[in-house]
Amino acid sequence: MVKLTDEIKESLTGTKVFFLATSSKDSRPNVVPIGAFKLLDDETALISDQFFSKTIKNLKENPQVAVSWWGSKGGFQLKGPVTIHTSGAIFEQDVAWVKTIRADLMPKSAVVMKITDVYQLKPGADAGKKLL
């Protein structure tokens, strides 16, 4: 696993939409916008599932994902495997967090990503460069 730098963590501040890329077992890609994404620690992220359909099917078939964002403080791409939680402490933490954002939403699952790779999204010569 990798440890995110302060620059990467700071770039998340104020970002409202993230993009989650998945792929089915037969390599059919899917990308969805997500609003409920946060770091649990420097190596782990939480993605809250309220509306996933093709996405959750893909995650069950192929747990490898990529998450990208671009905001006022730049952007990065994270890659790594996920686990899906529909009960237990992680799921309950997800439900409590989402209720602070929008009380009318109820997560179907908590998707926990172990971050294994980080890539640069900033335009220029280093665009796409693996950083961690």
N, C-alpha and C. Protein backbone atom coordinates (compact mmCIF):
# COMPACT_ATOMS: atom_id res chain seq x y z
N MET A 1 0.83 -1.18 0.00
CA MET A 1 0.00 0.00 0.00
C MET A 1 0.88 1.26 0.00
N VAL A 2 0.29 2.35 -0.38
CA VAL A 2 1.00 3.62 -0.41
C VAL A 2 0.43 4.54 0.65
N LYS A 3 1.20 5.55 1.01
CA LYS A 3 0.71 6.58 1.94
C LYS A 3 0.56 7.87 1.16
N LEU A 4 -0.64 8.42 1.19
CA LEU A 4 -0.90 9.65 0.44
C LEU A 4 -0.14 10.82 1.05
N THR A 5 0.34 11.69 0.18
CA THR A 5 1.06 12.89 0.62
C THR A 5 0.06 13.97 1.01
N ASP A 6 0.56 14.99 1.69
CA ASP A 6 -0.30 16.11 2.07
C ASP A 6 -0.86 16.81 0.83
N GLU A 7 -0.06 16.90 -0.24
CA GLU A 7 -0.54 17.54 -1.47
C GLU A 7 -1.75 16.80 -2.04
N ILE A 8 -1.69 15.49 -2.04
CA ILE A 8 -2.80 14.68 -2.56
C ILE A 8 -4.02 14.85 -1.68
N LYS A 9 -3.84 14.76 -0.37
CA LYS A 9 -4.97 14.92 0.56
C LYS A 9 -5.58 16.31 0.45
N GLU A 10 -4.75 17.32 0.32
CA GLU A 10 -5.23 18.70 0.20
C GLU A 10 -6.04 18.90 -1.08
N SER A 11 -5.68 18.20 -2.14
CA SER A 11 -6.40 18.35 -3.41
C SER A 11 -7.85 17.85 -3.31
N LEU A 12 -8.13 17.01 -2.33
CA LEU A 12 -9.49 16.53 -2.11
C LEU A 12 -10.40 17.62 -1.54
N THR A 13 -9.80 18.58 -0.83
CA THR A 13 -10.57 19.63 -0.17
C THR A 13 -11.38 20.42 -1.19
N GLY A 14 -12.66 20.46 -0.98
CA GLY A 14 -13.54 21.23 -1.85
C GLY A 14 -13.98 20.50 -3.11
N THR A 15 -13.41 19.34 -3.39
CA THR A 15 -13.83 18.58 -4.57
C THR A 15 -15.19 17.96 -4.28
N LYS A 16 -16.13 18.16 -5.18
CA LYS A 16 -17.50 17.69 -4.97
C LYS A 16 -17.82 16.40 -5.73
N VAL A 17 -17.18 16.20 -6.88
CA VAL A 17 -17.49 15.03 -7.70
C VAL A 17 -16.20 14.27 -8.00
N PHE A 18 -16.27 12.98 -7.80
CA PHE A 18 -15.18 12.05 -8.08
C PHE A 18 -15.70 11.08 -9.13
N PHE A 19 -14.79 10.44 -9.85
CA PHE A 19 -15.20 9.48 -10.87
C PHE A 19 -14.63 8.12 -10.54
N LEU A 20 -15.52 7.14 -10.44
CA LEU A 20 -15.15 5.77 -10.09
C LEU A 20 -15.22 4.90 -11.34
N ALA A 21 -14.09 4.29 -11.70
CA ALA A 21 -14.02 3.41 -12.86
C ALA A 21 -13.93 1.97 -12.39
N THR A 22 -14.79 1.14 -13.01
CA THR A 22 -14.79 -0.29 -12.74
C THR A 22 -14.77 -1.03 -14.08
N SER A 23 -14.62 -2.34 -13.99
CA SER A 23 -14.65 -3.16 -15.20
C SER A 23 -15.26 -4.51 -14.85
N SER A 24 -16.09 -5.01 -15.72
CA SER A 24 -16.69 -6.33 -15.50
C SER A 24 -15.64 -7.42 -15.72
N LYS A 25 -16.02 -8.65 -15.42
CA LYS A 25 -15.08 -9.76 -15.62
C LYS A 25 -14.72 -9.96 -17.09
N ASP A 26 -15.61 -9.48 -18.00
CA ASP A 26 -15.30 -9.58 -19.42
C ASP A 26 -14.76 -8.26 -19.98
N SER A 27 -14.22 -7.43 -19.11
CA SER A 27 -13.49 -6.20 -19.47
C SER A 27 -14.36 -5.07 -20.01
N ARG A 28 -15.65 -5.06 -19.70
CA ARG A 28 -16.50 -3.95 -20.11
C ARG A 28 -16.38 -2.84 -19.06
N PRO A 29 -15.88 -1.66 -19.47
CA PRO A 29 -15.65 -0.58 -18.51
C PRO A 29 -16.94 0.14 -18.11
N ASN A 30 -16.91 0.76 -16.96
CA ASN A 30 -18.02 1.57 -16.46
C ASN A 30 -17.41 2.69 -15.61
N VAL A 31 -17.88 3.90 -15.80
CA VAL A 31 -17.43 5.04 -15.00
C VAL A 31 -18.66 5.78 -14.49
N VAL A 32 -18.68 6.08 -13.19
CA VAL A 32 -19.80 6.81 -12.61
C VAL A 32 -19.29 7.96 -11.75
N PRO A 33 -20.05 9.06 -11.71
CA PRO A 33 -19.71 10.14 -10.79
C PRO A 33 -20.17 9.75 -9.38
N ILE A 34 -19.36 10.08 -8.40
CA ILE A 34 -19.73 9.82 -7.00
C ILE A 34 -19.50 11.08 -6.19
N GLY A 35 -20.36 11.30 -5.23
CA GLY A 35 -20.22 12.46 -4.35
C GLY A 35 -19.79 12.08 -2.94
N ALA A 36 -19.96 10.82 -2.58
CA ALA A 36 -19.64 10.38 -1.22
C ALA A 36 -18.35 9.57 -1.23
N PHE A 37 -17.24 10.28 -1.12
CA PHE A 37 -15.90 9.69 -1.13
C PHE A 37 -15.10 10.39 -0.05
N LYS A 38 -14.39 9.63 0.77
CA LYS A 38 -13.51 10.24 1.77
C LYS A 38 -12.41 9.27 2.13
N LEU A 39 -11.34 9.83 2.67
CA LEU A 39 -10.24 9.02 3.15
C LEU A 39 -10.54 8.52 4.55
N LEU A 40 -10.27 7.25 4.80
CA LEU A 40 -10.34 6.71 6.15
C LEU A 40 -9.00 6.89 6.86
N ASP A 41 -7.92 6.79 6.08
CA ASP A 41 -6.57 7.05 6.55
C ASP A 41 -5.70 7.30 5.32
N ASP A 42 -4.41 7.37 5.48
CA ASP A 42 -3.51 7.69 4.36
C ASP A 42 -3.38 6.58 3.32
N GLU A 43 -3.99 5.43 3.57
CA GLU A 43 -3.87 4.29 2.67
C GLU A 43 -5.21 3.70 2.23
N THR A 44 -6.31 4.27 2.76
CA THR A 44 -7.61 3.66 2.57
C THR A 44 -8.68 4.72 2.32
N ALA A 45 -9.58 4.44 1.38
CA ALA A 45 -10.68 5.36 1.08
C ALA A 45 -12.01 4.65 1.23
N LEU A 46 -13.04 5.44 1.53
CA LEU A 46 -14.41 4.95 1.64
C LEU A 46 -15.24 5.56 0.52
N ILE A 47 -15.95 4.73 -0.21
CA ILE A 47 -16.88 5.15 -1.25
C ILE A 47 -18.24 4.64 -0.83
N SER A 48 -19.19 5.56 -0.68
CA SER A 48 -20.51 5.16 -0.24
C SER A 48 -21.41 4.90 -1.44
N ASP A 49 -22.06 3.75 -1.41
CA ASP A 49 -22.94 3.32 -2.50
C ASP A 49 -24.39 3.59 -2.14
N GLN A 50 -24.97 4.56 -2.83
CA GLN A 50 -26.41 4.80 -2.72
C GLN A 50 -27.16 4.33 -3.96
N PHE A 51 -26.49 4.38 -5.10
CA PHE A 51 -27.19 4.19 -6.37
C PHE A 51 -26.50 3.20 -7.32
N PHE A 52 -25.46 2.51 -6.90
CA PHE A 52 -24.72 1.64 -7.80
C PHE A 52 -25.61 0.51 -8.34
N SER A 53 -25.48 0.25 -9.62
CA SER A 53 -26.16 -0.87 -10.26
C SER A 53 -25.12 -1.68 -11.03
N LYS A 54 -24.73 -1.21 -12.24
CA LYS A 54 -23.65 -1.88 -12.97
C LYS A 54 -22.37 -1.86 -12.13
N THR A 55 -22.17 -0.77 -11.41
CA THR A 55 -20.94 -0.61 -10.63
C THR A 55 -20.79 -1.71 -9.59
N ILE A 56 -21.84 -1.97 -8.82
CA ILE A 56 -21.73 -2.98 -7.76
C ILE A 56 -21.55 -4.37 -8.36
N LYS A 57 -22.21 -4.62 -9.50
CA LYS A 57 -22.03 -5.90 -10.20
C LYS A 57 -20.57 -6.05 -10.62
N ASN A 58 -20.01 -4.98 -11.19
CA ASN A 58 -18.60 -5.02 -11.59
C ASN A 58 -17.69 -5.24 -10.40
N LEU A 59 -17.94 -4.54 -9.29
CA LEU A 59 -17.09 -4.68 -8.11
C LEU A 59 -17.08 -6.11 -7.58
N LYS A 60 -18.21 -6.77 -7.68
CA LYS A 60 -18.28 -8.17 -7.23
C LYS A 60 -17.52 -9.09 -8.17
N GLU A 61 -17.52 -8.76 -9.46
CA GLU A 61 -16.81 -9.58 -10.45
C GLU A 61 -15.32 -9.27 -10.51
N ASN A 62 -14.98 -8.00 -10.31
CA ASN A 62 -13.60 -7.54 -10.46
C ASN A 62 -13.37 -6.41 -9.47
N PRO A 63 -12.71 -6.66 -8.36
CA PRO A 63 -12.58 -5.66 -7.30
C PRO A 63 -11.54 -4.55 -7.55
N GLN A 64 -10.93 -4.52 -8.72
CA GLN A 64 -9.94 -3.48 -9.02
C GLN A 64 -10.64 -2.23 -9.54
N VAL A 65 -10.32 -1.06 -8.96
CA VAL A 65 -10.97 0.19 -9.37
C VAL A 65 -9.95 1.31 -9.54
N ALA A 66 -10.43 2.38 -10.14
CA ALA A 66 -9.68 3.64 -10.20
C ALA A 66 -10.65 4.75 -9.80
N VAL A 67 -10.15 5.71 -9.05
CA VAL A 67 -10.92 6.90 -8.67
C VAL A 67 -10.11 8.11 -9.10
N SER A 68 -10.76 9.03 -9.82
CA SER A 68 -10.10 10.26 -10.27
C SER A 68 -10.92 11.46 -9.84
N TRP A 69 -10.24 12.59 -9.67
CA TRP A 69 -10.91 13.85 -9.39
C TRP A 69 -10.06 15.00 -9.87
N TRP A 70 -10.74 16.11 -10.09
CA TRP A 70 -10.06 17.36 -10.41
C TRP A 70 -10.84 18.46 -9.72
N GLY A 71 -10.14 19.26 -8.94
CA GLY A 71 -10.78 20.36 -8.24
C GLY A 71 -9.91 21.60 -8.29
N SER A 72 -10.26 22.56 -7.47
CA SER A 72 -9.52 23.83 -7.46
C SER A 72 -8.07 23.66 -7.02
N LYS A 73 -7.77 22.55 -6.35
CA LYS A 73 -6.40 22.30 -5.88
C LYS A 73 -5.73 21.15 -6.63
N GLY A 74 -6.18 20.94 -7.86
CA GLY A 74 -5.57 19.89 -8.67
C GLY A 74 -6.34 18.59 -8.59
N GLY A 75 -5.71 17.53 -9.06
CA GLY A 75 -6.36 16.24 -9.06
C GLY A 75 -5.38 15.10 -9.25
N PHE A 76 -5.85 13.92 -8.90
CA PHE A 76 -5.03 12.72 -8.97
C PHE A 76 -5.92 11.54 -9.33
N GLN A 77 -5.30 10.42 -9.62
CA GLN A 77 -6.00 9.17 -9.83
C GLN A 77 -5.44 8.16 -8.84
N LEU A 78 -6.34 7.46 -8.15
CA LEU A 78 -5.97 6.40 -7.22
C LEU A 78 -6.42 5.08 -7.81
N LYS A 79 -5.64 4.03 -7.58
CA LYS A 79 -6.02 2.69 -8.01
C LYS A 79 -5.84 1.73 -6.86
N GLY A 80 -6.65 0.66 -6.88
CA GLY A 80 -6.50 -0.38 -5.87
C GLY A 80 -7.71 -1.28 -5.79
N PRO A 81 -7.62 -2.32 -4.97
CA PRO A 81 -8.73 -3.25 -4.79
C PRO A 81 -9.72 -2.74 -3.75
N VAL A 82 -10.95 -3.21 -3.86
CA VAL A 82 -11.99 -2.82 -2.91
C VAL A 82 -12.60 -4.04 -2.24
N THR A 83 -13.19 -3.79 -1.09
CA THR A 83 -14.05 -4.76 -0.42
C THR A 83 -15.40 -4.09 -0.21
N ILE A 84 -16.46 -4.88 -0.24
CA ILE A 84 -17.82 -4.36 -0.11
C ILE A 84 -18.38 -4.78 1.24
N HIS A 85 -18.92 -3.79 1.97
CA HIS A 85 -19.48 -4.05 3.30
C HIS A 85 -20.95 -3.65 3.31
N THR A 86 -21.82 -4.59 3.69
CA THR A 86 -23.25 -4.30 3.78
C THR A 86 -23.77 -4.42 5.21
N SER A 87 -22.87 -4.68 6.14
CA SER A 87 -23.19 -4.72 7.56
C SER A 87 -21.89 -4.55 8.33
N GLY A 88 -22.00 -4.43 9.65
CA GLY A 88 -20.82 -4.31 10.48
C GLY A 88 -20.38 -2.88 10.69
N ALA A 89 -19.24 -2.73 11.36
CA ALA A 89 -18.76 -1.41 11.80
C ALA A 89 -18.50 -0.44 10.65
N ILE A 90 -17.86 -0.91 9.59
CA ILE A 90 -17.55 -0.02 8.45
C ILE A 90 -18.85 0.47 7.82
N PHE A 91 -19.80 -0.44 7.62
CA PHE A 91 -21.08 -0.04 7.02
C PHE A 91 -21.80 0.96 7.92
N GLU A 92 -21.83 0.70 9.20
CA GLU A 92 -22.51 1.62 10.14
C GLU A 92 -21.83 2.99 10.15
N GLN A 93 -20.51 3.03 10.05
CA GLN A 93 -19.77 4.30 9.95
C GLN A 93 -20.18 5.04 8.68
N ASP A 94 -20.32 4.31 7.58
CA ASP A 94 -20.74 4.89 6.32
C ASP A 94 -22.14 5.49 6.43
N VAL A 95 -23.07 4.74 7.00
CA VAL A 95 -24.44 5.23 7.16
C VAL A 95 -24.46 6.52 7.98
N ALA A 96 -23.75 6.54 9.10
CA ALA A 96 -23.72 7.73 9.95
C ALA A 96 -23.14 8.92 9.20
N TRP A 97 -22.07 8.70 8.45
CA TRP A 97 -21.43 9.79 7.69
C TRP A 97 -22.37 10.34 6.63
N VAL A 98 -22.99 9.45 5.85
CA VAL A 98 -23.88 9.89 4.77
C VAL A 98 -25.07 10.67 5.34
N LYS A 99 -25.58 10.26 6.47
CA LYS A 99 -26.71 10.97 7.09
C LYS A 99 -26.33 12.41 7.46
N THR A 100 -25.04 12.68 7.72
CA THR A 100 -24.62 14.06 8.00
C THR A 100 -24.57 14.91 6.73
N ILE A 101 -24.46 14.24 5.58
CA ILE A 101 -24.41 14.92 4.29
C ILE A 101 -25.83 15.17 3.77
N ARG A 102 -26.62 14.10 3.77
CA ARG A 102 -28.01 14.16 3.30
C ARG A 102 -28.83 13.14 4.08
N ALA A 103 -29.67 13.63 4.94
CA ALA A 103 -30.44 12.75 5.83
C ALA A 103 -31.36 11.80 5.09
N ASP A 104 -31.75 12.13 3.86
CA ASP A 104 -32.69 11.28 3.13
C ASP A 104 -32.02 10.14 2.37
N LEU A 105 -30.69 10.08 2.39
CA LEU A 105 -29.98 8.99 1.69
C LEU A 105 -29.70 7.83 2.64
N MET A 106 -29.76 6.63 2.09
CA MET A 106 -29.41 5.43 2.86
C MET A 106 -28.46 4.58 2.03
N PRO A 107 -27.22 4.45 2.46
CA PRO A 107 -26.28 3.62 1.72
C PRO A 107 -26.74 2.17 1.61
N LYS A 108 -26.47 1.59 0.43
CA LYS A 108 -26.70 0.16 0.21
C LYS A 108 -25.47 -0.63 0.61
N SER A 109 -24.29 0.00 0.45
CA SER A 109 -23.05 -0.65 0.84
C SER A 109 -21.96 0.39 1.04
N ALA A 110 -20.96 -0.01 1.79
CA ALA A 110 -19.75 0.79 1.98
C ALA A 110 -18.63 0.09 1.22
N VAL A 111 -18.02 0.79 0.29
CA VAL A 111 -16.95 0.22 -0.53
C VAL A 111 -15.62 0.79 -0.01
N VAL A 112 -14.78 -0.10 0.47
CA VAL A 112 -13.49 0.31 1.05
C VAL A 112 -12.38 -0.03 0.06
N MET A 113 -11.61 1.01 -0.29
CA MET A 113 -10.53 0.88 -1.27
C MET A 113 -9.18 0.94 -0.58
N LYS A 114 -8.35 -0.06 -0.81
CA LYS A 114 -6.95 -0.02 -0.38
C LYS A 114 -6.15 0.62 -1.51
N ILE A 115 -5.55 1.74 -1.26
CA ILE A 115 -4.86 2.49 -2.31
C ILE A 115 -3.49 1.86 -2.57
N THR A 116 -3.28 1.44 -3.82
CA THR A 116 -2.01 0.80 -4.17
C THR A 116 -1.17 1.64 -5.13
N ASP A 117 -1.82 2.55 -5.88
CA ASP A 117 -1.12 3.36 -6.88
C ASP A 117 -1.74 4.75 -6.93
N VAL A 118 -0.90 5.75 -7.19
CA VAL A 118 -1.36 7.13 -7.36
C VAL A 118 -0.71 7.71 -8.61
N TYR A 119 -1.53 8.37 -9.44
CA TYR A 119 -1.05 8.95 -10.70
C TYR A 119 -1.36 10.45 -10.75
N GLN A 120 -0.51 11.17 -11.42
CA GLN A 120 -0.65 12.61 -11.63
C GLN A 120 -1.69 12.89 -12.72
N LEU A 121 -2.57 13.85 -12.49
CA LEU A 121 -3.52 14.27 -13.51
C LEU A 121 -3.23 15.67 -14.03
N LYS A 122 -2.33 16.38 -13.38
CA LYS A 122 -2.02 17.74 -13.77
C LYS A 122 -1.52 17.78 -15.21
N PRO A 123 -2.05 18.72 -16.02
CA PRO A 123 -1.59 18.82 -17.41
C PRO A 123 -0.08 19.11 -17.48
N GLY A 124 0.54 18.62 -18.53
CA GLY A 124 1.95 18.87 -18.72
C GLY A 124 2.72 17.59 -18.96
N ALA A 125 4.02 17.71 -18.90
CA ALA A 125 4.91 16.59 -19.21
C ALA A 125 4.73 15.40 -18.27
N ASP A 126 4.30 15.64 -17.01
CA ASP A 126 4.15 14.58 -16.05
C ASP A 126 2.73 14.01 -15.97
N ALA A 127 1.83 14.44 -16.83
CA ALA A 127 0.45 13.92 -16.82
C ALA A 127 0.48 12.41 -16.99
N GLY A 128 -0.24 11.72 -16.11
CA GLY A 128 -0.28 10.26 -16.16
C GLY A 128 0.86 9.56 -15.47
N LYS A 129 1.82 10.32 -14.95
CA LYS A 129 2.99 9.74 -14.29
C LYS A 129 2.59 9.09 -12.97
N LYS A 130 3.12 7.88 -12.73
CA LYS A 130 2.89 7.21 -11.45
C LYS A 130 3.71 7.91 -10.39
N LEU A 131 3.04 8.35 -9.33
CA LEU A 131 3.70 9.07 -8.25
C LEU A 131 4.02 8.18 -7.06
N LEU A 132 3.10 7.28 -6.74
CA LEU A 132 3.27 6.38 -5.59
C LEU A 132 2.80 4.98 -5.97
